[in-house]
Structure formats: C-alpha cells, structure tokens
Amino acid sequence: MFARVLEFELKLEKKEEFIKVIKKEILPMLKKQPGFLEILPLFPEKLNQVLTISLWATPKDAERYEQEIYPRVVDILKPFLTTPLTMKPYRVETELCEHFVAALAA
C-alpha cells in the first residue's frame, strides 16, 4: 500500500464549502482512479493546517493519478488555500495495521 500526504493551510471561513467540493467533485474523481483505496482528511480543532492522506494500492497507481488527475485537483482547491499544497509520498507498513488493511479490502 502507498500513501500520498498533502499538507496545506485552509481559509477557515471556507471550510464548509471546501468539504462540499471535496465530497462532490474530488472524491468522485478519486474513486474512478485505478488503485485508489481511501482518503483520510485530518482537521485540527482550532488551526487552519490540514493534512489529507490518500491511500493507493501501488506506487504506480499514485503516480498515474499524480500525472493525470492531480493538476485538476490543485486547480479546484486553490480558492480555498492560504498556502501551496505540499505532497510527500510514503509506503504504508501494512504489517502494523493488518485490521485496517483488511477493512479496506472488504
């Protein structure tokens, strides 16, 4: 399993609209991508720093998304951001989260 971690700052007054755009526009695009497993959006209680983790079956699936779809996602998100998106790729050590991996496979 592979993860793409995005970090950015969100305009606090646009949080609700941001969530709607993710749900109605970005999530449907992600679900159509081969190898996409899940997205985990993390919002701190009082800060505008946001972390999202997208999980992919393989690094190649994530790379294909990065090249083909991600530029459109960035354009959709720009009006909501106060900082540029930063992305870091990670391999997920599935031996440490076997029940989570099993839940994704179900």
PDB file of N, CA and C in Angstrom:
ATOM      1  N   MET A   1       0.849  -1.172   0.000  1.00  0.00           N
ATOM      2  CA  MET A   1       0.000   0.000   0.000  1.00  0.00           C
ATOM      3  C   MET A   1       0.899   1.241   0.000  1.00  0.00           C
ATOM      4  N   PHE A   2       0.382   2.287  -0.557  1.00  0.00           N
ATOM      5  CA  PHE A   2       1.138   3.523  -0.729  1.00  0.00           C
ATOM      6  C   PHE A   2       0.260   4.693  -0.294  1.00  0.00           C
ATOM      7  N   ALA A   3       0.882   5.726   0.269  1.00  0.00           N
ATOM      8  CA  ALA A   3       0.134   6.894   0.725  1.00  0.00           C
ATOM      9  C   ALA A   3       0.736   8.168   0.141  1.00  0.00           C
ATOM     10  N   ARG A   4      -0.155   9.096  -0.177  1.00  0.00           N
ATOM     11  CA  ARG A   4       0.239  10.457  -0.564  1.00  0.00           C
ATOM     12  C   ARG A   4      -0.292  11.374   0.531  1.00  0.00           C
ATOM     13  N   VAL A   5       0.605  12.112   1.160  1.00  0.00           N
ATOM     14  CA  VAL A   5       0.201  13.002   2.242  1.00  0.00           C
ATOM     15  C   VAL A   5       0.281  14.438   1.750  1.00  0.00           C
ATOM     16  N   LEU A   6      -0.855  15.118   1.753  1.00  0.00           N
ATOM     17  CA  LEU A   6      -0.912  16.528   1.364  1.00  0.00           C
ATOM     18  C   LEU A   6      -1.044  17.374   2.620  1.00  0.00           C
ATOM     19  N   GLU A   7      -0.315  18.481   2.624  1.00  0.00           N
ATOM     20  CA  GLU A   7      -0.400  19.410   3.740  1.00  0.00           C
ATOM     21  C   GLU A   7      -0.611  20.807   3.176  1.00  0.00           C
ATOM     22  N   PHE A   8      -1.512  21.564   3.825  1.00  0.00           N
ATOM     23  CA  PHE A   8      -1.804  22.913   3.360  1.00  0.00           C
ATOM     24  C   PHE A   8      -2.560  23.662   4.438  1.00  0.00           C
ATOM     25  N   GLU A   9      -2.680  24.954   4.256  1.00  0.00           N
ATOM     26  CA  GLU A   9      -3.485  25.762   5.154  1.00  0.00           C
ATOM     27  C   GLU A   9      -4.758  26.169   4.419  1.00  0.00           C
ATOM     28  N   LEU A  10      -5.846  26.060   5.128  1.00  0.00           N
ATOM     29  CA  LEU A  10      -7.170  26.316   4.587  1.00  0.00           C
ATOM     30  C   LEU A  10      -7.701  27.647   5.105  1.00  0.00           C
ATOM     31  N   LYS A  11      -8.403  28.373   4.242  1.00  0.00           N
ATOM     32  CA  LYS A  11      -9.106  29.570   4.697  1.00  0.00           C
ATOM     33  C   LYS A  11     -10.241  29.099   5.601  1.00  0.00           C
ATOM     34  N   LEU A  12     -10.164  29.455   6.865  1.00  0.00           N
ATOM     35  CA  LEU A  12     -11.132  28.932   7.845  1.00  0.00           C
ATOM     36  C   LEU A  12     -12.573  29.236   7.471  1.00  0.00           C
ATOM     37  N   GLU A  13     -12.811  30.397   6.910  1.00  0.00           N
ATOM     38  CA  GLU A  13     -14.179  30.767   6.561  1.00  0.00           C
ATOM     39  C   GLU A  13     -14.726  29.945   5.392  1.00  0.00           C
ATOM     40  N   LYS A  14     -13.854  29.184   4.727  1.00  0.00           N
ATOM     41  CA  LYS A  14     -14.283  28.381   3.576  1.00  0.00           C
ATOM     42  C   LYS A  14     -14.295  26.883   3.863  1.00  0.00           C
ATOM     43  N   LYS A  15     -14.147  26.513   5.128  1.00  0.00           N
ATOM     44  CA  LYS A  15     -14.045  25.090   5.464  1.00  0.00           C
ATOM     45  C   LYS A  15     -15.261  24.291   5.002  1.00  0.00           C
ATOM     46  N   GLU A  16     -16.463  24.765   5.287  1.00  0.00           N
ATOM     47  CA  GLU A  16     -17.673  24.020   4.913  1.00  0.00           C
ATOM     48  C   GLU A  16     -17.785  23.866   3.400  1.00  0.00           C
ATOM     49  N   GLU A  17     -17.517  24.934   2.670  1.00  0.00           N
ATOM     50  CA  GLU A  17     -17.555  24.877   1.209  1.00  0.00           C
ATOM     51  C   GLU A  17     -16.479  23.929   0.683  1.00  0.00           C
ATOM     52  N   PHE A  18     -15.304  23.977   1.297  1.00  0.00           N
ATOM     53  CA  PHE A  18     -14.193  23.096   0.936  1.00  0.00           C
ATOM     54  C   PHE A  18     -14.618  21.630   1.068  1.00  0.00           C
ATOM     55  N   ILE A  19     -15.246  21.289   2.175  1.00  0.00           N
ATOM     56  CA  ILE A  19     -15.684  19.907   2.409  1.00  0.00           C
ATOM     57  C   ILE A  19     -16.705  19.484   1.346  1.00  0.00           C
ATOM     58  N   LYS A  20     -17.625  20.378   0.982  1.00  0.00           N
ATOM     59  CA  LYS A  20     -18.608  20.066  -0.057  1.00  0.00           C
ATOM     60  C   LYS A  20     -17.934  19.813  -1.403  1.00  0.00           C
ATOM     61  N   VAL A  21     -16.932  20.611  -1.738  1.00  0.00           N
ATOM     62  CA  VAL A  21     -16.214  20.446  -3.003  1.00  0.00           C
ATOM     63  C   VAL A  21     -15.451  19.121  -3.016  1.00  0.00           C
ATOM     64  N   ILE A  22     -14.845  18.790  -1.903  1.00  0.00           N
ATOM     65  CA  ILE A  22     -14.143  17.504  -1.816  1.00  0.00           C
ATOM     66  C   ILE A  22     -15.140  16.367  -2.051  1.00  0.00           C
ATOM     67  N   LYS A  23     -16.257  16.443  -1.373  1.00  0.00           N
ATOM     68  CA  LYS A  23     -17.262  15.371  -1.451  1.00  0.00           C
ATOM     69  C   LYS A  23     -17.898  15.254  -2.833  1.00  0.00           C
ATOM     70  N   LYS A  24     -18.218  16.390  -3.458  1.00  0.00           N
ATOM     71  CA  LYS A  24     -18.967  16.359  -4.714  1.00  0.00           C
ATOM     72  C   LYS A  24     -18.104  16.333  -5.973  1.00  0.00           C
ATOM     73  N   GLU A  25     -16.869  16.868  -5.887  1.00  0.00           N
ATOM     74  CA  GLU A  25     -16.042  16.948  -7.090  1.00  0.00           C
ATOM     75  C   GLU A  25     -14.796  16.066  -7.036  1.00  0.00           C
ATOM     76  N   ILE A  26     -14.044  16.168  -5.953  1.00  0.00           N
ATOM     77  CA  ILE A  26     -12.744  15.486  -5.909  1.00  0.00           C
ATOM     78  C   ILE A  26     -12.886  14.010  -5.577  1.00  0.00           C
ATOM     79  N   LEU A  27     -13.692  13.680  -4.589  1.00  0.00           N
ATOM     80  CA  LEU A  27     -13.859  12.280  -4.222  1.00  0.00           C
ATOM     81  C   LEU A  27     -14.377  11.427  -5.386  1.00  0.00           C
ATOM     82  N   PRO A  28     -15.352  11.893  -6.162  1.00  0.00           N
ATOM     83  CA  PRO A  28     -15.760  11.091  -7.330  1.00  0.00           C
ATOM     84  C   PRO A  28     -14.625  10.865  -8.334  1.00  0.00           C
ATOM     85  N   MET A  29     -13.760  11.858  -8.519  1.00  0.00           N
ATOM     86  CA  MET A  29     -12.601  11.671  -9.409  1.00  0.00           C
ATOM     87  C   MET A  29     -11.655  10.617  -8.848  1.00  0.00           C
ATOM     88  N   LEU A  30     -11.401  10.700  -7.541  1.00  0.00           N
ATOM     89  CA  LEU A  30     -10.502   9.731  -6.912  1.00  0.00           C
ATOM     90  C   LEU A  30     -11.049   8.314  -7.029  1.00  0.00           C
ATOM     91  N   LYS A  31     -12.337   8.156  -6.794  1.00  0.00           N
ATOM     92  CA  LYS A  31     -12.939   6.822  -6.823  1.00  0.00           C
ATOM     93  C   LYS A  31     -12.855   6.166  -8.195  1.00  0.00           C
ATOM     94  N   LYS A  32     -12.715   6.959  -9.231  1.00  0.00           N
ATOM     95  CA  LYS A  32     -12.590   6.416 -10.592  1.00  0.00           C
ATOM     96  C   LYS A  32     -11.160   6.001 -10.924  1.00  0.00           C
ATOM     97  N   GLN A  33     -10.206   6.347 -10.080  1.00  0.00           N
ATOM     98  CA  GLN A  33      -8.806   6.068 -10.361  1.00  0.00           C
ATOM     99  C   GLN A  33      -8.440   4.639  -9.975  1.00  0.00           C
ATOM    100  N   PRO A  34      -7.761   3.923 -10.878  1.00  0.00           N
ATOM    101  CA  PRO A  34      -7.324   2.565 -10.542  1.00  0.00           C
ATOM    102  C   PRO A  34      -6.398   2.591  -9.327  1.00  0.00           C
ATOM    103  N   GLY A  35      -6.669   1.713  -8.388  1.00  0.00           N
ATOM    104  CA  GLY A  35      -5.800   1.580  -7.225  1.00  0.00           C
ATOM    105  C   GLY A  35      -6.120   2.513  -6.067  1.00  0.00           C
ATOM    106  N   PHE A  36      -7.072   3.435  -6.245  1.00  0.00           N
ATOM    107  CA  PHE A  36      -7.431   4.318  -5.137  1.00  0.00           C
ATOM    108  C   PHE A  36      -8.180   3.512  -4.083  1.00  0.00           C
ATOM    109  N   LEU A  37      -7.787   3.695  -2.815  1.00  0.00           N
ATOM    110  CA  LEU A  37      -8.416   2.955  -1.725  1.00  0.00           C
ATOM    111  C   LEU A  37      -9.263   3.839  -0.809  1.00  0.00           C
ATOM    112  N   GLU A  38      -8.691   4.966  -0.356  1.00  0.00           N
ATOM    113  CA  GLU A  38      -9.407   5.795   0.612  1.00  0.00           C
ATOM    114  C   GLU A  38      -8.701   7.128   0.773  1.00  0.00           C
ATOM    115  N   ILE A  39      -9.443   8.093   1.298  1.00  0.00           N
ATOM    116  CA  ILE A  39      -8.861   9.390   1.659  1.00  0.00           C
ATOM    117  C   ILE A  39      -9.180   9.647   3.129  1.00  0.00           C
ATOM    118  N   LEU A  40      -8.189  10.151   3.856  1.00  0.00           N
ATOM    119  CA  LEU A  40      -8.343  10.456   5.276  1.00  0.00           C
ATOM    120  C   LEU A  40      -8.032  11.935   5.481  1.00  0.00           C
ATOM    121  N   PRO A  41      -9.055  12.785   5.597  1.00  0.00           N
ATOM    122  CA  PRO A  41      -8.813  14.205   5.837  1.00  0.00           C
ATOM    123  C   PRO A  41      -8.685  14.459   7.345  1.00  0.00           C
ATOM    124  N   LEU A  42      -7.658  15.180   7.727  1.00  0.00           N
ATOM    125  CA  LEU A  42      -7.406  15.469   9.133  1.00  0.00           C
ATOM    126  C   LEU A  42      -7.447  16.976   9.351  1.00  0.00           C
ATOM    127  N   PHE A  43      -8.377  17.414  10.188  1.00  0.00           N
ATOM    128  CA  PHE A  43      -8.542  18.833  10.501  1.00  0.00           C
ATOM    129  C   PHE A  43      -8.256  19.035  11.985  1.00  0.00           C
ATOM    130  N   PRO A  44      -7.275  19.852  12.343  1.00  0.00           N
ATOM    131  CA  PRO A  44      -7.058  20.127  13.759  1.00  0.00           C
ATOM    132  C   PRO A  44      -8.234  20.922  14.329  1.00  0.00           C
ATOM    133  N   GLU A  45      -8.386  20.888  15.623  1.00  0.00           N
ATOM    134  CA  GLU A  45      -9.517  21.541  16.279  1.00  0.00           C
ATOM    135  C   GLU A  45      -9.598  23.044  16.011  1.00  0.00           C
ATOM    136  N   LYS A  46      -8.490  23.764  16.132  1.00  0.00           N
ATOM    137  CA  LYS A  46      -8.580  25.220  16.076  1.00  0.00           C
ATOM    138  C   LYS A  46      -7.674  25.864  15.043  1.00  0.00           C
ATOM    139  N   LEU A  47      -6.860  25.102  14.375  1.00  0.00           N
ATOM    140  CA  LEU A  47      -5.931  25.673  13.407  1.00  0.00           C
ATOM    141  C   LEU A  47      -6.443  25.472  11.989  1.00  0.00           C
ATOM    142  N   ASN A  48      -5.816  26.149  11.055  1.00  0.00           N
ATOM    143  CA  ASN A  48      -6.230  26.011   9.660  1.00  0.00           C
ATOM    144  C   ASN A  48      -5.310  25.078   8.870  1.00  0.00           C
ATOM    145  N   GLN A  49      -4.382  24.429   9.544  1.00  0.00           N
ATOM    146  CA  GLN A  49      -3.483  23.479   8.895  1.00  0.00           C
ATOM    147  C   GLN A  49      -4.251  22.181   8.647  1.00  0.00           C
ATOM    148  N   VAL A  50      -4.251  21.702   7.414  1.00  0.00           N
ATOM    149  CA  VAL A  50      -4.986  20.488   7.064  1.00  0.00           C
ATOM    150  C   VAL A  50      -4.004  19.456   6.525  1.00  0.00           C
ATOM    151  N   LEU A  51      -4.277  18.208   6.843  1.00  0.00           N
ATOM    152  CA  LEU A  51      -3.483  17.093   6.360  1.00  0.00           C
ATOM    153  C   LEU A  51      -4.452  16.104   5.733  1.00  0.00           C
ATOM    154  N   THR A  52      -4.193  15.685   4.511  1.00  0.00           N
ATOM    155  CA  THR A  52      -5.014  14.638   3.908  1.00  0.00           C
ATOM    156  C   THR A  52      -4.097  13.511   3.471  1.00  0.00           C
ATOM    157  N   ILE A  53      -4.562  12.318   3.692  1.00  0.00           N
ATOM    158  CA  ILE A  53      -3.811  11.127   3.317  1.00  0.00           C
ATOM    159  C   ILE A  53      -4.673  10.365   2.321  1.00  0.00           C
ATOM    160  N   SER A  54      -4.140  10.156   1.132  1.00  0.00           N
ATOM    161  CA  SER A  54      -4.845   9.289   0.184  1.00  0.00           C
ATOM    162  C   SER A  54      -4.067   7.984   0.101  1.00  0.00           C
ATOM    163  N   LEU A  55      -4.810   6.885   0.146  1.00  0.00           N
ATOM    164  CA  LEU A  55      -4.208   5.549   0.127  1.00  0.00           C
ATOM    165  C   LEU A  55      -4.412   4.910  -1.232  1.00  0.00           C
ATOM    166  N   TRP A  56      -3.342   4.286  -1.698  1.00  0.00           N
ATOM    167  CA  TRP A  56      -3.312   3.689  -3.036  1.00  0.00           C
ATOM    168  C   TRP A  56      -2.785   2.268  -2.949  1.00  0.00           C
ATOM    169  N   ALA A  57      -3.241   1.416  -3.858  1.00  0.00           N
ATOM    170  CA  ALA A  57      -2.804   0.025  -3.871  1.00  0.00           C
ATOM    171  C   ALA A  57      -1.312  -0.082  -4.172  1.00  0.00           C
ATOM    172  N   THR A  58      -0.828   0.704  -5.141  1.00  0.00           N
ATOM    173  CA  THR A  58       0.582   0.637  -5.525  1.00  0.00           C
ATOM    174  C   THR A  58       1.127   2.042  -5.790  1.00  0.00           C
ATOM    175  N   PRO A  59       2.449   2.193  -5.733  1.00  0.00           N
ATOM    176  CA  PRO A  59       3.031   3.489  -6.097  1.00  0.00           C
ATOM    177  C   PRO A  59       2.703   3.891  -7.535  1.00  0.00           C
ATOM    178  N   LYS A  60       2.607   2.935  -8.442  1.00  0.00           N
ATOM    179  CA  LYS A  60       2.283   3.257  -9.837  1.00  0.00           C
ATOM    180  C   LYS A  60       0.888   3.857  -9.966  1.00  0.00           C
ATOM    181  N   ASP A  61      -0.057   3.351  -9.170  1.00  0.00           N
ATOM    182  CA  ASP A  61      -1.406   3.926  -9.172  1.00  0.00           C
ATOM    183  C   ASP A  61      -1.354   5.388  -8.741  1.00  0.00           C
ATOM    184  N   ALA A  62      -0.616   5.668  -7.680  1.00  0.00           N
ATOM    185  CA  ALA A  62      -0.486   7.041  -7.174  1.00  0.00           C
ATOM    186  C   ALA A  62       0.235   7.934  -8.185  1.00  0.00           C
ATOM    187  N   GLU A  63       1.252   7.401  -8.848  1.00  0.00           N
ATOM    188  CA  GLU A  63       1.989   8.177  -9.859  1.00  0.00           C
ATOM    189  C   GLU A  63       1.088   8.526 -11.044  1.00  0.00           C
ATOM    190  N   ARG A  64       0.276   7.576 -11.470  1.00  0.00           N
ATOM    191  CA  ARG A  64      -0.647   7.830 -12.588  1.00  0.00           C
ATOM    192  C   ARG A  64      -1.622   8.944 -12.202  1.00  0.00           C
ATOM    193  N   TYR A  65      -2.164   8.861 -10.999  1.00  0.00           N
ATOM    194  CA  TYR A  65      -3.049   9.914 -10.503  1.00  0.00           C
ATOM    195  C   TYR A  65      -2.323  11.255 -10.474  1.00  0.00           C
ATOM    196  N   GLU A  66      -1.102  11.255  -9.977  1.00  0.00           N
ATOM    197  CA  GLU A  66      -0.289  12.483  -9.878  1.00  0.00           C
ATOM    198  C   GLU A  66      -0.151  13.154 -11.246  1.00  0.00           C
ATOM    199  N   GLN A  67       0.066  12.372 -12.269  1.00  0.00           N
ATOM    200  CA  GLN A  67       0.288  12.915 -13.612  1.00  0.00           C
ATOM    201  C   GLN A  67      -1.008  13.294 -14.322  1.00  0.00           C
ATOM    202  N   GLU A  68      -2.049  12.490 -14.153  1.00  0.00           N
ATOM    203  CA  GLU A  68      -3.247  12.665 -14.965  1.00  0.00           C
ATOM    204  C   GLU A  68      -4.356  13.503 -14.314  1.00  0.00           C
ATOM    205  N   ILE A  69      -4.533  13.384 -13.012  1.00  0.00           N
ATOM    206  CA  ILE A  69      -5.689  13.989 -12.355  1.00  0.00           C
ATOM    207  C   ILE A  69      -5.297  15.090 -11.369  1.00  0.00           C
ATOM    208  N   TYR A  70      -4.210  14.918 -10.669  1.00  0.00           N
ATOM    209  CA  TYR A  70      -3.817  15.837  -9.600  1.00  0.00           C
ATOM    210  C   TYR A  70      -3.761  17.306 -10.033  1.00  0.00           C
ATOM    211  N   PRO A  71      -3.259  17.647 -11.232  1.00  0.00           N
ATOM    212  CA  PRO A  71      -3.273  19.067 -11.631  1.00  0.00           C
ATOM    213  C   PRO A  71      -4.681  19.684 -11.612  1.00  0.00           C
ATOM    214  N   ARG A  72      -5.697  18.914 -11.980  1.00  0.00           N
ATOM    215  CA  ARG A  72      -7.077  19.421 -11.921  1.00  0.00           C
ATOM    216  C   ARG A  72      -7.530  19.607 -10.471  1.00  0.00           C
ATOM    217  N   VAL A  73      -7.132  18.682  -9.616  1.00  0.00           N
ATOM    218  CA  VAL A  73      -7.473  18.785  -8.190  1.00  0.00           C
ATOM    219  C   VAL A  73      -6.876  20.055  -7.599  1.00  0.00           C
ATOM    220  N   VAL A  74      -5.624  20.335  -7.929  1.00  0.00           N
ATOM    221  CA  VAL A  74      -4.954  21.541  -7.424  1.00  0.00           C
ATOM    222  C   VAL A  74      -5.729  22.783  -7.857  1.00  0.00           C
ATOM    223  N   ASP A  75      -6.143  22.831  -9.099  1.00  0.00           N
ATOM    224  CA  ASP A  75      -6.902  23.984  -9.600  1.00  0.00           C
ATOM    225  C   ASP A  75      -8.231  24.153  -8.852  1.00  0.00           C
ATOM    226  N   ILE A  76      -8.889  23.049  -8.543  1.00  0.00           N
ATOM    227  CA  ILE A  76     -10.161  23.108  -7.819  1.00  0.00           C
ATOM    228  C   ILE A  76      -9.942  23.618  -6.394  1.00  0.00           C
ATOM    229  N   LEU A  77      -8.842  23.220  -5.775  1.00  0.00           N
ATOM    230  CA  LEU A  77      -8.593  23.564  -4.371  1.00  0.00           C
ATOM    231  C   LEU A  77      -8.006  24.955  -4.147  1.00  0.00           C
ATOM    232  N   LYS A  78      -7.345  25.513  -5.133  1.00  0.00           N
ATOM    233  CA  LYS A  78      -6.651  26.793  -4.959  1.00  0.00           C
ATOM    234  C   LYS A  78      -7.474  27.889  -4.286  1.00  0.00           C
ATOM    235  N   PRO A  79      -8.742  28.092  -4.626  1.00  0.00           N
ATOM    236  CA  PRO A  79      -9.501  29.174  -3.984  1.00  0.00           C
ATOM    237  C   PRO A  79      -9.697  29.006  -2.473  1.00  0.00           C
ATOM    238  N   PHE A  80      -9.458  27.824  -1.957  1.00  0.00           N
ATOM    239  CA  PHE A  80      -9.684  27.543  -0.546  1.00  0.00           C
ATOM    240  C   PHE A  80      -8.404  27.627   0.300  1.00  0.00           C
ATOM    241  N   LEU A  81      -7.278  27.779  -0.344  1.00  0.00           N
ATOM    242  CA  LEU A  81      -5.992  27.647   0.335  1.00  0.00           C
ATOM    243  C   LEU A  81      -5.322  28.986   0.614  1.00  0.00           C
ATOM    244  N   THR A  82      -4.568  29.017   1.715  1.00  0.00           N
ATOM    245  CA  THR A  82      -3.736  30.185   2.005  1.00  0.00           C
ATOM    246  C   THR A  82      -2.265  29.877   1.770  1.00  0.00           C
ATOM    247  N   THR A  83      -1.934  28.609   1.538  1.00  0.00           N
ATOM    248  CA  THR A  83      -0.563  28.188   1.231  1.00  0.00           C
ATOM    249  C   THR A  83      -0.607  27.193   0.079  1.00  0.00           C
ATOM    250  N   PRO A  84       0.508  26.999  -0.600  1.00  0.00           N
ATOM    251  CA  PRO A  84       0.546  25.962  -1.634  1.00  0.00           C
ATOM    252  C   PRO A  84       0.423  24.563  -1.010  1.00  0.00           C
ATOM    253  N   LEU A  85      -0.044  23.623  -1.797  1.00  0.00           N
ATOM    254  CA  LEU A  85      -0.084  22.229  -1.368  1.00  0.00           C
ATOM    255  C   LEU A  85       1.329  21.658  -1.355  1.00  0.00           C
ATOM    256  N   THR A  86       1.659  20.909  -0.335  1.00  0.00           N
ATOM    257  CA  THR A  86       2.913  20.153  -0.344  1.00  0.00           C
ATOM    258  C   THR A  86       2.555  18.679  -0.246  1.00  0.00           C
ATOM    259  N   MET A  87       3.248  17.853  -1.020  1.00  0.00           N
ATOM    260  CA  MET A  87       2.946  16.430  -1.055  1.00  0.00           C
ATOM    261  C   MET A  87       4.202  15.636  -0.728  1.00  0.00           C
ATOM    262  N   LYS A  88       4.005  14.606   0.093  1.00  0.00           N
ATOM    263  CA  LYS A  88       5.083  13.664   0.402  1.00  0.00           C
ATOM    264  C   LYS A  88       4.536  12.255   0.206  1.00  0.00           C
ATOM    265  N   PRO A  89       5.301  11.411  -0.497  1.00  0.00           N
ATOM    266  CA  PRO A  89       4.870  10.025  -0.685  1.00  0.00           C
ATOM    267  C   PRO A  89       5.409   9.128   0.440  1.00  0.00           C
ATOM    268  N   TYR A  90       4.639   8.109   0.794  1.00  0.00           N
ATOM    269  CA  TYR A  90       5.037   7.165   1.839  1.00  0.00           C
ATOM    270  C   TYR A  90       4.596   5.756   1.461  1.00  0.00           C
ATOM    271  N   ARG A  91       5.379   4.785   1.851  1.00  0.00           N
ATOM    272  CA  ARG A  91       4.939   3.394   1.805  1.00  0.00           C
ATOM    273  C   ARG A  91       4.247   3.109   3.135  1.00  0.00           C
ATOM    274  N   VAL A  92       3.136   2.409   3.094  1.00  0.00           N
ATOM    275  CA  VAL A  92       2.414   2.064   4.311  1.00  0.00           C
ATOM    276  C   VAL A  92       2.906   0.693   4.771  1.00  0.00           C
ATOM    277  N   GLU A  93       3.348   0.622   5.999  1.00  0.00           N
ATOM    278  CA  GLU A  93       3.803  -0.651   6.568  1.00  0.00           C
ATOM    279  C   GLU A  93       2.568  -1.423   7.024  1.00  0.00           C
ATOM    280  N   THR A  94       2.074  -2.264   6.150  1.00  0.00           N
ATOM    281  CA  THR A  94       0.798  -2.939   6.388  1.00  0.00           C
ATOM    282  C   THR A  94       0.867  -3.999   7.489  1.00  0.00           C
ATOM    283  N   GLU A  95       2.041  -4.448   7.862  1.00  0.00           N
ATOM    284  CA  GLU A  95       2.136  -5.430   8.950  1.00  0.00           C
ATOM    285  C   GLU A  95       1.733  -4.831  10.286  1.00  0.00           C
ATOM    286  N   LEU A  96       1.782  -3.517  10.401  1.00  0.00           N
ATOM    287  CA  LEU A  96       1.448  -2.865  11.663  1.00  0.00           C
ATOM    288  C   LEU A  96      -0.017  -2.440  11.735  1.00  0.00           C
ATOM    289  N   CYS A  97      -0.744  -2.578  10.635  1.00  0.00           N
ATOM    290  CA  CYS A  97      -2.155  -2.170  10.644  1.00  0.00           C
ATOM    291  C   CYS A  97      -2.996  -3.171   9.845  1.00  0.00           C
ATOM    292  N   GLU A  98      -2.821  -4.429  10.167  1.00  0.00           N
ATOM    293  CA  GLU A  98      -3.476  -5.501   9.414  1.00  0.00           C
ATOM    294  C   GLU A  98      -5.003  -5.386   9.423  1.00  0.00           C
ATOM    295  N   HIS A  99      -5.606  -5.010  10.563  1.00  0.00           N
ATOM    296  CA  HIS A  99      -7.065  -4.900  10.609  1.00  0.00           C
ATOM    297  C   HIS A  99      -7.571  -3.761   9.728  1.00  0.00           C
ATOM    298  N   PHE A 100      -6.795  -2.681   9.632  1.00  0.00           N
ATOM    299  CA  PHE A 100      -7.164  -1.563   8.767  1.00  0.00           C
ATOM    300  C   PHE A 100      -7.104  -1.997   7.301  1.00  0.00           C
ATOM    301  N   VAL A 101      -6.053  -2.693   6.935  1.00  0.00           N
ATOM    302  CA  VAL A 101      -5.908  -3.181   5.556  1.00  0.00           C
ATOM    303  C   VAL A 101      -7.046  -4.144   5.225  1.00  0.00           C
ATOM    304  N   ALA A 102      -7.398  -5.007   6.167  1.00  0.00           N
ATOM    305  CA  ALA A 102      -8.495  -5.945   5.938  1.00  0.00           C
ATOM    306  C   ALA A 102      -9.815  -5.202   5.758  1.00  0.00           C
ATOM    307  N   ALA A 103     -10.015  -4.144   6.523  1.00  0.00           N
ATOM    308  CA  ALA A 103     -11.245  -3.349   6.399  1.00  0.00           C
ATOM    309  C   ALA A 103     -11.316  -2.672   5.034  1.00  0.00           C
ATOM    310  N   LEU A 104     -10.190  -2.188   4.533  1.00  0.00           N
ATOM    311  CA  LEU A 104     -10.174  -1.553   3.200  1.00  0.00           C
ATOM    312  C   LEU A 104     -10.476  -2.571   2.113  1.00  0.00           C
ATOM    313  N   ALA A 105     -10.011  -3.783   2.290  1.00  0.00           N
ATOM    314  CA  ALA A 105     -10.215  -4.823   1.290  1.00  0.00           C
ATOM    315  C   ALA A 105     -11.656  -5.336   1.265  1.00  0.00           C
ATOM    316  N   ALA A 106     -12.365  -5.158   2.366  1.00  0.00           N
ATOM    317  CA  ALA A 106     -13.739  -5.682   2.473  1.00  0.00           C
ATOM    318  C   ALA A 106     -14.720  -4.914   1.620  1.00  0.00           C
TER     319      ALA A 106
END
